[in-house]
Protein backbone atom coordinates (compact mmCIF):
# COMPACT_ATOMS: atom_id res chain seq x y z
CA UNK A 1 0.00 0.00 0.00
CA UNK A 2 1.38 3.42 -0.91
CA UNK A 3 1.87 6.01 1.75
CA UNK A 4 -1.28 8.04 2.27
CA UNK A 5 -0.83 11.80 2.30
CA UNK A 6 -4.05 13.75 2.80
CA UNK A 7 -6.07 13.74 6.03
CA UNK A 8 -9.15 12.59 4.09
CA UNK A 9 -7.25 9.61 2.68
CA UNK A 10 -5.87 8.80 6.11
CA UNK A 11 -9.35 8.99 7.66
CA UNK A 12 -10.81 6.64 5.03
CA UNK A 13 -8.00 4.13 5.58
CA UNK A 14 -8.37 4.27 9.36
CA UNK A 15 -12.10 3.58 9.03
CA UNK A 16 -11.38 0.70 6.63
CA UNK A 17 -8.82 -0.80 9.03
CA UNK A 18 -11.18 -0.51 12.01
CA UNK A 19 -13.89 -2.21 9.97
CA UNK A 20 -11.75 -5.07 8.65
CA UNK A 21 -9.61 -5.71 11.71
CA UNK A 22 -12.00 -4.96 14.56
CA UNK A 23 -15.41 -5.46 12.89
CA UNK A 24 -16.45 -1.87 13.62
CA UNK A 25 -19.40 -0.61 11.57
CA UNK A 26 -18.10 2.31 9.48
CA UNK A 27 -21.42 4.10 10.00
CA UNK A 28 -20.64 4.37 13.72
CA UNK A 29 -17.27 6.06 13.15
CA UNK A 30 -16.78 9.82 13.03
CA UNK A 31 -13.77 12.05 13.71
CA UNK A 32 -14.94 12.50 17.32
CA UNK A 33 -15.36 8.76 17.96
CA UNK A 34 -13.25 7.76 20.97
CA UNK A 35 -11.13 4.65 20.50
CA UNK A 36 -11.33 3.33 24.04
CA UNK A 37 -14.73 4.58 25.22
CA UNK A 38 -16.76 4.23 22.01
CA UNK A 39 -15.01 1.40 20.16
CA UNK A 40 -13.67 -0.63 23.11
CA UNK A 41 -10.16 -0.63 21.62
CA UNK A 42 -7.99 -1.85 24.50
CA UNK A 43 -4.20 -1.59 24.79
CA UNK A 44 -3.60 -4.86 22.91
CA UNK A 45 -5.94 -3.74 20.13
CA UNK A 46 -4.17 -0.36 20.05
CA UNK A 47 -0.83 -2.06 19.37
CA UNK A 48 -2.46 -4.09 16.59
CA UNK A 49 -3.97 -0.90 15.18
CA UNK A 50 -0.57 0.83 15.16
CA UNK A 51 0.95 -2.13 13.28
CA UNK A 52 -1.83 -1.94 10.70
CA UNK A 53 -1.44 1.85 10.34
CA UNK A 54 2.31 1.76 9.68
CA UNK A 55 1.97 1.16 5.92
CA UNK A 56 -0.15 4.32 5.64
CA UNK A 57 2.85 6.47 6.50
CA UNK A 58 5.64 4.43 5.00
CA UNK A 59 6.30 2.27 8.05
CA UNK A 60 7.87 4.92 10.28
CA UNK A 61 5.40 4.98 13.14
CA UNK A 62 6.33 4.79 16.79
CA UNK A 63 4.01 4.05 19.71
CA UNK A 64 5.08 7.38 21.23
CA UNK A 65 3.20 9.17 18.44
CA UNK A 66 0.02 7.65 19.85
CA UNK A 67 0.34 8.35 23.58
CA UNK A 68 -2.13 11.24 23.50
CA UNK A 69 -4.46 9.73 20.88
CA UNK A 70 -8.03 9.44 22.10
CA UNK A 71 -10.27 9.97 19.06
CA UNK A 72 -10.28 9.03 15.39
CA UNK A 73 -9.33 12.64 14.58
CA UNK A 74 -6.33 12.29 16.91
CA UNK A 75 -5.25 9.22 14.93
CA UNK A 76 -5.63 11.08 11.63
CA UNK A 77 -3.69 14.08 12.98
CA UNK A 78 -0.87 11.88 14.32
CA UNK A 79 -0.59 9.99 11.03
CA UNK A 80 -0.71 13.20 8.99
CA UNK A 81 2.12 14.65 11.09
CA UNK A 82 4.25 11.54 10.55
CA UNK A 83 3.42 11.48 6.84
CA UNK A 84 4.62 15.11 6.49
CA UNK A 85 7.95 14.13 8.01
CA UNK A 86 8.47 11.34 5.46
PDB file of N, CA and C in Angstrom:
ATOM      1  N   UNK A   1       0.845  -1.177   0.000  1.00  0.00           N
ATOM      2  CA  UNK A   1       0.000   0.000   0.000  1.00  0.00           C
ATOM      3  C   UNK A   1       0.891   1.240   0.000  1.00  0.00           C
ATOM      4  N   UNK A   2       0.596   2.184  -0.847  1.00  0.00           N
ATOM      5  CA  UNK A   2       1.382   3.415  -0.913  1.00  0.00           C
ATOM      6  C   UNK A   2       1.095   4.281   0.307  1.00  0.00           C
ATOM      7  N   UNK A   3       2.054   5.100   0.636  1.00  0.00           N
ATOM      8  CA  UNK A   3       1.871   6.014   1.749  1.00  0.00           C
ATOM      9  C   UNK A   3       0.726   6.965   1.436  1.00  0.00           C
ATOM     10  N   UNK A   4      -0.136   7.153   2.400  1.00  0.00           N
ATOM     11  CA  UNK A   4      -1.284   8.038   2.269  1.00  0.00           C
ATOM     12  C   UNK A   4      -0.856   9.434   2.704  1.00  0.00           C
ATOM     13  N   UNK A   5      -1.303  10.456   2.012  1.00  0.00           N
ATOM     14  CA  UNK A   5      -0.834  11.797   2.302  1.00  0.00           C
ATOM     15  C   UNK A   5      -1.886  12.733   2.890  1.00  0.00           C
ATOM     16  N   UNK A   6      -3.083  12.762   2.340  1.00  0.00           N
ATOM     17  CA  UNK A   6      -4.055  13.753   2.798  1.00  0.00           C
ATOM     18  C   UNK A   6      -4.819  13.245   4.022  1.00  0.00           C
ATOM     19  N   UNK A   7      -5.270  14.164   4.866  1.00  0.00           N
ATOM     20  CA  UNK A   7      -6.073  13.743   6.029  1.00  0.00           C
ATOM     21  C   UNK A   7      -7.325  12.957   5.641  1.00  0.00           C
ATOM     22  N   UNK A   8      -7.959  13.329   4.528  1.00  0.00           N
ATOM     23  CA  UNK A   8      -9.155  12.592   4.091  1.00  0.00           C
ATOM     24  C   UNK A   8      -8.811  11.154   3.726  1.00  0.00           C
ATOM     25  N   UNK A   9      -7.689  10.965   3.026  1.00  0.00           N
ATOM     26  CA  UNK A   9      -7.255   9.610   2.677  1.00  0.00           C
ATOM     27  C   UNK A   9      -6.910   8.817   3.935  1.00  0.00           C
ATOM     28  N   UNK A  10      -6.232   9.463   4.851  1.00  0.00           N
ATOM     29  CA  UNK A  10      -5.873   8.798   6.112  1.00  0.00           C
ATOM     30  C   UNK A  10      -7.131   8.393   6.858  1.00  0.00           C
ATOM     31  N   UNK A  11      -8.095   9.286   6.964  1.00  0.00           N
ATOM     32  CA  UNK A  11      -9.352   8.986   7.656  1.00  0.00           C
ATOM     33  C   UNK A  11     -10.036   7.775   7.043  1.00  0.00           C
ATOM     34  N   UNK A  12     -10.146   7.756   5.713  1.00  0.00           N
ATOM     35  CA  UNK A  12     -10.814   6.640   5.031  1.00  0.00           C
ATOM     36  C   UNK A  12     -10.091   5.322   5.302  1.00  0.00           C
ATOM     37  N   UNK A  13      -8.770   5.342   5.310  1.00  0.00           N
ATOM     38  CA  UNK A  13      -8.004   4.126   5.575  1.00  0.00           C
ATOM     39  C   UNK A  13      -8.154   3.673   7.022  1.00  0.00           C
ATOM     40  N   UNK A  14      -8.174   4.622   7.945  1.00  0.00           N
ATOM     41  CA  UNK A  14      -8.366   4.271   9.363  1.00  0.00           C
ATOM     42  C   UNK A  14      -9.725   3.610   9.547  1.00  0.00           C
ATOM     43  N   UNK A  15     -10.750   4.173   8.943  1.00  0.00           N
ATOM     44  CA  UNK A  15     -12.098   3.580   9.028  1.00  0.00           C
ATOM     45  C   UNK A  15     -12.092   2.178   8.430  1.00  0.00           C
ATOM     46  N   UNK A  16     -11.438   2.009   7.282  1.00  0.00           N
ATOM     47  CA  UNK A  16     -11.380   0.698   6.632  1.00  0.00           C
ATOM     48  C   UNK A  16     -10.655  -0.323   7.514  1.00  0.00           C
ATOM     49  N   UNK A  17      -9.564   0.099   8.152  1.00  0.00           N
ATOM     50  CA  UNK A  17      -8.821  -0.803   9.033  1.00  0.00           C
ATOM     51  C   UNK A  17      -9.660  -1.174  10.255  1.00  0.00           C
ATOM     52  N   UNK A  18     -10.329  -0.211  10.849  1.00  0.00           N
ATOM     53  CA  UNK A  18     -11.179  -0.507  12.009  1.00  0.00           C
ATOM     54  C   UNK A  18     -12.296  -1.471  11.626  1.00  0.00           C
ATOM     55  N   UNK A  19     -12.828  -1.322  10.431  1.00  0.00           N
ATOM     56  CA  UNK A  19     -13.890  -2.213   9.967  1.00  0.00           C
ATOM     57  C   UNK A  19     -13.358  -3.632   9.731  1.00  0.00           C
ATOM     58  N   UNK A  20     -12.251  -3.737   8.994  1.00  0.00           N
ATOM     59  CA  UNK A  20     -11.755  -5.066   8.646  1.00  0.00           C
ATOM     60  C   UNK A  20     -11.093  -5.784   9.822  1.00  0.00           C
ATOM     61  N   UNK A  21     -10.356  -5.063  10.641  1.00  0.00           N
ATOM     62  CA  UNK A  21      -9.606  -5.709  11.713  1.00  0.00           C
ATOM     63  C   UNK A  21     -10.398  -5.881  13.002  1.00  0.00           C
ATOM     64  N   UNK A  22     -11.296  -4.943  13.273  1.00  0.00           N
ATOM     65  CA  UNK A  22     -11.998  -4.955  14.561  1.00  0.00           C
ATOM     66  C   UNK A  22     -13.506  -5.062  14.414  1.00  0.00           C
ATOM     67  N   UNK A  23     -13.982  -5.277  13.179  1.00  0.00           N
ATOM     68  CA  UNK A  23     -15.406  -5.456  12.893  1.00  0.00           C
ATOM     69  C   UNK A  23     -16.252  -4.288  13.399  1.00  0.00           C
ATOM     70  N   UNK A  24     -15.720  -3.074  13.229  1.00  0.00           N
ATOM     71  CA  UNK A  24     -16.448  -1.867  13.619  1.00  0.00           C
ATOM     72  C   UNK A  24     -17.251  -1.383  12.422  1.00  0.00           C
ATOM     73  N   UNK A  25     -18.540  -1.113  12.631  1.00  0.00           N
ATOM     74  CA  UNK A  25     -19.404  -0.614  11.570  1.00  0.00           C
ATOM     75  C   UNK A  25     -18.945   0.791  11.174  1.00  0.00           C
ATOM     76  N   UNK A  26     -18.556   0.991   9.908  1.00  0.00           N
ATOM     77  CA  UNK A  26     -18.098   2.315   9.481  1.00  0.00           C
ATOM     78  C   UNK A  26     -19.106   3.428   9.744  1.00  0.00           C
ATOM     79  N   UNK A  27     -20.390   3.092   9.756  1.00  0.00           N
ATOM     80  CA  UNK A  27     -21.419   4.103  10.000  1.00  0.00           C
ATOM     81  C   UNK A  27     -21.361   4.648  11.425  1.00  0.00           C
ATOM     82  N   UNK A  28     -20.726   3.918  12.324  1.00  0.00           N
ATOM     83  CA  UNK A  28     -20.637   4.369  13.718  1.00  0.00           C
ATOM     84  C   UNK A  28     -19.377   5.184  13.988  1.00  0.00           C
ATOM     85  N   UNK A  29     -18.536   5.365  12.972  1.00  0.00           N
ATOM     86  CA  UNK A  29     -17.266   6.064  13.149  1.00  0.00           C
ATOM     87  C   UNK A  29     -17.362   7.489  12.621  1.00  0.00           C
ATOM     88  N   UNK A  30     -16.889   8.424  13.430  1.00  0.00           N
ATOM     89  CA  UNK A  30     -16.775   9.823  13.026  1.00  0.00           C
ATOM     90  C   UNK A  30     -15.452  10.343  13.573  1.00  0.00           C
ATOM     91  N   UNK A  31     -15.031  11.527  13.175  1.00  0.00           N
ATOM     92  CA  UNK A  31     -13.770  12.052  13.711  1.00  0.00           C
ATOM     93  C   UNK A  31     -13.748  12.148  15.240  1.00  0.00           C
ATOM     94  N   UNK A  32     -14.896  12.355  15.855  1.00  0.00           N
ATOM     95  CA  UNK A  32     -14.941  12.500  17.316  1.00  0.00           C
ATOM     96  C   UNK A  32     -15.115  11.173  18.058  1.00  0.00           C
ATOM     97  N   UNK A  33     -15.226  10.068  17.332  1.00  0.00           N
ATOM     98  CA  UNK A  33     -15.358   8.756  17.964  1.00  0.00           C
ATOM     99  C   UNK A  33     -14.126   8.461  18.806  1.00  0.00           C
ATOM    100  N   UNK A  34     -14.352   8.059  20.057  1.00  0.00           N
ATOM    101  CA  UNK A  34     -13.250   7.756  20.974  1.00  0.00           C
ATOM    102  C   UNK A  34     -12.885   6.280  20.866  1.00  0.00           C
ATOM    103  N   UNK A  35     -11.593   6.017  20.693  1.00  0.00           N
ATOM    104  CA  UNK A  35     -11.125   4.645  20.500  1.00  0.00           C
ATOM    105  C   UNK A  35     -11.469   3.745  21.678  1.00  0.00           C
ATOM    106  N   UNK A  36     -11.156   4.188  22.870  1.00  0.00           N
ATOM    107  CA  UNK A  36     -11.326   3.334  24.043  1.00  0.00           C
ATOM    108  C   UNK A  36     -12.774   3.320  24.530  1.00  0.00           C
ATOM    109  N   UNK A  37     -13.379   4.492  24.646  1.00  0.00           N
ATOM    110  CA  UNK A  37     -14.726   4.582  25.215  1.00  0.00           C
ATOM    111  C   UNK A  37     -15.817   4.144  24.249  1.00  0.00           C
ATOM    112  N   UNK A  38     -15.697   4.531  22.977  1.00  0.00           N
ATOM    113  CA  UNK A  38     -16.760   4.234  22.013  1.00  0.00           C
ATOM    114  C   UNK A  38     -16.551   2.924  21.260  1.00  0.00           C
ATOM    115  N   UNK A  39     -15.287   2.587  20.979  1.00  0.00           N
ATOM    116  CA  UNK A  39     -15.008   1.399  20.159  1.00  0.00           C
ATOM    117  C   UNK A  39     -14.449   0.230  20.953  1.00  0.00           C
ATOM    118  N   UNK A  40     -14.231   0.417  22.252  1.00  0.00           N
ATOM    119  CA  UNK A  40     -13.666  -0.630  23.113  1.00  0.00           C
ATOM    120  C   UNK A  40     -12.330  -1.159  22.597  1.00  0.00           C
ATOM    121  N   UNK A  41     -11.506  -0.259  22.048  1.00  0.00           N
ATOM    122  CA  UNK A  41     -10.160  -0.629  21.616  1.00  0.00           C
ATOM    123  C   UNK A  41      -9.281  -0.611  22.863  1.00  0.00           C
ATOM    124  N   UNK A  42      -8.829  -1.790  23.297  1.00  0.00           N
ATOM    125  CA  UNK A  42      -7.988  -1.853  24.496  1.00  0.00           C
ATOM    126  C   UNK A  42      -6.523  -1.710  24.112  1.00  0.00           C
ATOM    127  N   UNK A  43      -5.621  -1.830  25.068  1.00  0.00           N
ATOM    128  CA  UNK A  43      -4.199  -1.593  24.792  1.00  0.00           C
ATOM    129  C   UNK A  43      -3.628  -2.603  23.799  1.00  0.00           C
ATOM    130  N   UNK A  44      -4.062  -3.844  23.861  1.00  0.00           N
ATOM    131  CA  UNK A  44      -3.596  -4.863  22.908  1.00  0.00           C
ATOM    132  C   UNK A  44      -4.109  -4.520  21.510  1.00  0.00           C
ATOM    133  N   UNK A  45      -5.378  -4.144  21.415  1.00  0.00           N
ATOM    134  CA  UNK A  45      -5.940  -3.741  20.126  1.00  0.00           C
ATOM    135  C   UNK A  45      -5.221  -2.505  19.581  1.00  0.00           C
ATOM    136  N   UNK A  46      -4.852  -1.580  20.480  1.00  0.00           N
ATOM    137  CA  UNK A  46      -4.170  -0.359  20.052  1.00  0.00           C
ATOM    138  C   UNK A  46      -2.830  -0.682  19.399  1.00  0.00           C
ATOM    139  N   UNK A  47      -2.101  -1.639  19.965  1.00  0.00           N
ATOM    140  CA  UNK A  47      -0.834  -2.058  19.369  1.00  0.00           C
ATOM    141  C   UNK A  47      -1.086  -2.661  17.990  1.00  0.00           C
ATOM    142  N   UNK A  48      -2.103  -3.499  17.873  1.00  0.00           N
ATOM    143  CA  UNK A  48      -2.461  -4.091  16.587  1.00  0.00           C
ATOM    144  C   UNK A  48      -2.836  -2.998  15.580  1.00  0.00           C
ATOM    145  N   UNK A  49      -3.574  -2.014  16.044  1.00  0.00           N
ATOM    146  CA  UNK A  49      -3.973  -0.901  15.178  1.00  0.00           C
ATOM    147  C   UNK A  49      -2.745  -0.147  14.675  1.00  0.00           C
ATOM    148  N   UNK A  50      -1.792   0.131  15.555  1.00  0.00           N
ATOM    149  CA  UNK A  50      -0.567   0.832  15.158  1.00  0.00           C
ATOM    150  C   UNK A  50       0.176   0.043  14.089  1.00  0.00           C
ATOM    151  N   UNK A  51       0.272  -1.276  14.274  1.00  0.00           N
ATOM    152  CA  UNK A  51       0.950  -2.125  13.281  1.00  0.00           C
ATOM    153  C   UNK A  51       0.244  -2.019  11.931  1.00  0.00           C
ATOM    154  N   UNK A  52      -1.067  -2.019  11.948  1.00  0.00           N
ATOM    155  CA  UNK A  52      -1.829  -1.939  10.701  1.00  0.00           C
ATOM    156  C   UNK A  52      -1.762  -0.552  10.060  1.00  0.00           C
ATOM    157  N   UNK A  53      -1.515   0.480  10.860  1.00  0.00           N
ATOM    158  CA  UNK A  53      -1.444   1.845  10.344  1.00  0.00           C
ATOM    159  C   UNK A  53      -0.080   2.188   9.751  1.00  0.00           C
ATOM    160  N   UNK A  54       0.951   1.453  10.144  1.00  0.00           N
ATOM    161  CA  UNK A  54       2.313   1.762   9.683  1.00  0.00           C
ATOM    162  C   UNK A  54       2.421   1.906   8.167  1.00  0.00           C
ATOM    163  N   UNK A  55       1.833   1.021   7.374  1.00  0.00           N
ATOM    164  CA  UNK A  55       1.965   1.164   5.916  1.00  0.00           C
ATOM    165  C   UNK A  55       1.375   2.470   5.378  1.00  0.00           C
ATOM    166  N   UNK A  56       0.462   3.082   6.111  1.00  0.00           N
ATOM    167  CA  UNK A  56      -0.154   4.323   5.639  1.00  0.00           C
ATOM    168  C   UNK A  56       0.840   5.478   5.604  1.00  0.00           C
ATOM    169  N   UNK A  57       1.878   5.378   6.418  1.00  0.00           N
ATOM    170  CA  UNK A  57       2.854   6.475   6.500  1.00  0.00           C
ATOM    171  C   UNK A  57       4.259   5.985   6.171  1.00  0.00           C
ATOM    172  N   UNK A  58       4.341   4.922   5.426  1.00  0.00           N
ATOM    173  CA  UNK A  58       5.636   4.427   4.998  1.00  0.00           C
ATOM    174  C   UNK A  58       6.376   3.609   6.034  1.00  0.00           C
ATOM    175  N   UNK A  59       5.697   3.165   7.072  1.00  0.00           N
ATOM    176  CA  UNK A  59       6.299   2.268   8.048  1.00  0.00           C
ATOM    177  C   UNK A  59       7.018   2.923   9.211  1.00  0.00           C
ATOM    178  N   UNK A  60       7.163   4.234   9.198  1.00  0.00           N
ATOM    179  CA  UNK A  60       7.869   4.923  10.282  1.00  0.00           C
ATOM    180  C   UNK A  60       6.878   5.456  11.303  1.00  0.00           C
ATOM    181  N   UNK A  61       6.417   4.596  12.166  1.00  0.00           N
ATOM    182  CA  UNK A  61       5.402   4.977  13.137  1.00  0.00           C
ATOM    183  C   UNK A  61       5.770   4.400  14.489  1.00  0.00           C
ATOM    184  N   UNK A  62       5.947   5.259  15.469  1.00  0.00           N
ATOM    185  CA  UNK A  62       6.330   4.790  16.794  1.00  0.00           C
ATOM    186  C   UNK A  62       5.140   4.876  17.736  1.00  0.00           C
ATOM    187  N   UNK A  63       5.099   3.999  18.727  1.00  0.00           N
ATOM    188  CA  UNK A  63       4.009   4.054  19.707  1.00  0.00           C
ATOM    189  C   UNK A  63       3.939   5.394  20.430  1.00  0.00           C
ATOM    190  N   UNK A  64       5.075   6.087  20.560  1.00  0.00           N
ATOM    191  CA  UNK A  64       5.077   7.381  21.234  1.00  0.00           C
ATOM    192  C   UNK A  64       4.176   8.390  20.523  1.00  0.00           C
ATOM    193  N   UNK A  65       4.050   8.247  19.209  1.00  0.00           N
ATOM    194  CA  UNK A  65       3.204   9.165  18.439  1.00  0.00           C
ATOM    195  C   UNK A  65       1.736   9.025  18.820  1.00  0.00           C
ATOM    196  N   UNK A  66       1.412   7.929  19.522  1.00  0.00           N
ATOM    197  CA  UNK A  66       0.019   7.651  19.846  1.00  0.00           C
ATOM    198  C   UNK A  66      -0.312   7.762  21.339  1.00  0.00           C
ATOM    199  N   UNK A  67       0.599   8.254  22.134  1.00  0.00           N
ATOM    200  CA  UNK A  67       0.345   8.352  23.579  1.00  0.00           C
ATOM    201  C   UNK A  67      -0.850   9.226  23.915  1.00  0.00           C
ATOM    202  N   UNK A  68      -1.041  10.315  23.187  1.00  0.00           N
ATOM    203  CA  UNK A  68      -2.134  11.237  23.496  1.00  0.00           C
ATOM    204  C   UNK A  68      -3.355  11.037  22.602  1.00  0.00           C
ATOM    205  N   UNK A  69      -3.338  10.001  21.791  1.00  0.00           N
ATOM    206  CA  UNK A  69      -4.456   9.731  20.877  1.00  0.00           C
ATOM    207  C   UNK A  69      -5.657   9.203  21.654  1.00  0.00           C
ATOM    208  N   UNK A  70      -6.790   9.870  21.453  1.00  0.00           N
ATOM    209  CA  UNK A  70      -8.029   9.438  22.100  1.00  0.00           C
ATOM    210  C   UNK A  70      -9.168   9.228  21.103  1.00  0.00           C
ATOM    211  N   UNK A  71      -9.175  10.030  20.031  1.00  0.00           N
ATOM    212  CA  UNK A  71     -10.269   9.974  19.056  1.00  0.00           C
ATOM    213  C   UNK A  71      -9.738   9.595  17.676  1.00  0.00           C
ATOM    214  N   UNK A  72     -10.661   9.325  16.774  1.00  0.00           N
ATOM    215  CA  UNK A  72     -10.283   9.032  15.391  1.00  0.00           C
ATOM    216  C   UNK A  72      -9.552  10.239  14.792  1.00  0.00           C
ATOM    217  N   UNK A  73     -10.006  11.449  15.095  1.00  0.00           N
ATOM    218  CA  UNK A  73      -9.327  12.638  14.576  1.00  0.00           C
ATOM    219  C   UNK A  73      -7.893  12.720  15.103  1.00  0.00           C
ATOM    220  N   UNK A  74      -7.688  12.324  16.360  1.00  0.00           N
ATOM    221  CA  UNK A  74      -6.326  12.294  16.906  1.00  0.00           C
ATOM    222  C   UNK A  74      -5.445  11.334  16.108  1.00  0.00           C
ATOM    223  N   UNK A  75      -5.994  10.194  15.731  1.00  0.00           N
ATOM    224  CA  UNK A  75      -5.251   9.216  14.925  1.00  0.00           C
ATOM    225  C   UNK A  75      -4.885   9.837  13.583  1.00  0.00           C
ATOM    226  N   UNK A  76      -5.863  10.454  12.932  1.00  0.00           N
ATOM    227  CA  UNK A  76      -5.627  11.084  11.629  1.00  0.00           C
ATOM    228  C   UNK A  76      -4.557  12.162  11.759  1.00  0.00           C
ATOM    229  N   UNK A  77      -4.661  12.997  12.788  1.00  0.00           N
ATOM    230  CA  UNK A  77      -3.689  14.076  12.976  1.00  0.00           C
ATOM    231  C   UNK A  77      -2.279  13.528  13.212  1.00  0.00           C
ATOM    232  N   UNK A  78      -2.179  12.486  14.028  1.00  0.00           N
ATOM    233  CA  UNK A  78      -0.867  11.884  14.319  1.00  0.00           C
ATOM    234  C   UNK A  78      -0.261  11.278  13.055  1.00  0.00           C
ATOM    235  N   UNK A  79      -1.083  10.596  12.279  1.00  0.00           N
ATOM    236  CA  UNK A  79      -0.595   9.993  11.034  1.00  0.00           C
ATOM    237  C   UNK A  79      -0.210  11.061  10.012  1.00  0.00           C
ATOM    238  N   UNK A  80      -1.007  12.115   9.933  1.00  0.00           N
ATOM    239  CA  UNK A  80      -0.710  13.196   8.987  1.00  0.00           C
ATOM    240  C   UNK A  80       0.616  13.871   9.350  1.00  0.00           C
ATOM    241  N   UNK A  81       0.866  14.046  10.643  1.00  0.00           N
ATOM    242  CA  UNK A  81       2.125  14.650  11.086  1.00  0.00           C
ATOM    243  C   UNK A  81       3.309  13.763  10.721  1.00  0.00           C
ATOM    244  N   UNK A  82       3.170  12.466  10.906  1.00  0.00           N
ATOM    245  CA  UNK A  82       4.250  11.537  10.547  1.00  0.00           C
ATOM    246  C   UNK A  82       4.434  11.511   9.037  1.00  0.00           C
ATOM    247  N   UNK A  83       3.337  11.521   8.299  1.00  0.00           N
ATOM    248  CA  UNK A  83       3.421  11.481   6.840  1.00  0.00           C
ATOM    249  C   UNK A  83       4.145  12.716   6.292  1.00  0.00           C
ATOM    250  N   UNK A  84       3.940  13.876   6.921  1.00  0.00           N
ATOM    251  CA  UNK A  84       4.617  15.106   6.490  1.00  0.00           C
ATOM    252  C   UNK A  84       6.120  15.020   6.698  1.00  0.00           C
ATOM    253  N   UNK A  85       6.532  14.267   7.711  1.00  0.00           N
ATOM    254  CA  UNK A  85       7.953  14.127   8.011  1.00  0.00           C
ATOM    255  C   UNK A  85       8.657  13.201   7.022  1.00  0.00           C
ATOM    256  N   UNK A  86       7.886  12.325   6.393  1.00  0.00           N
ATOM    257  CA  UNK A  86       8.469  11.339   5.461  1.00  0.00           C
ATOM    258  C   UNK A  86       8.636  11.905   4.069  1.00  0.00           C
TER     259      UNK A  86
END
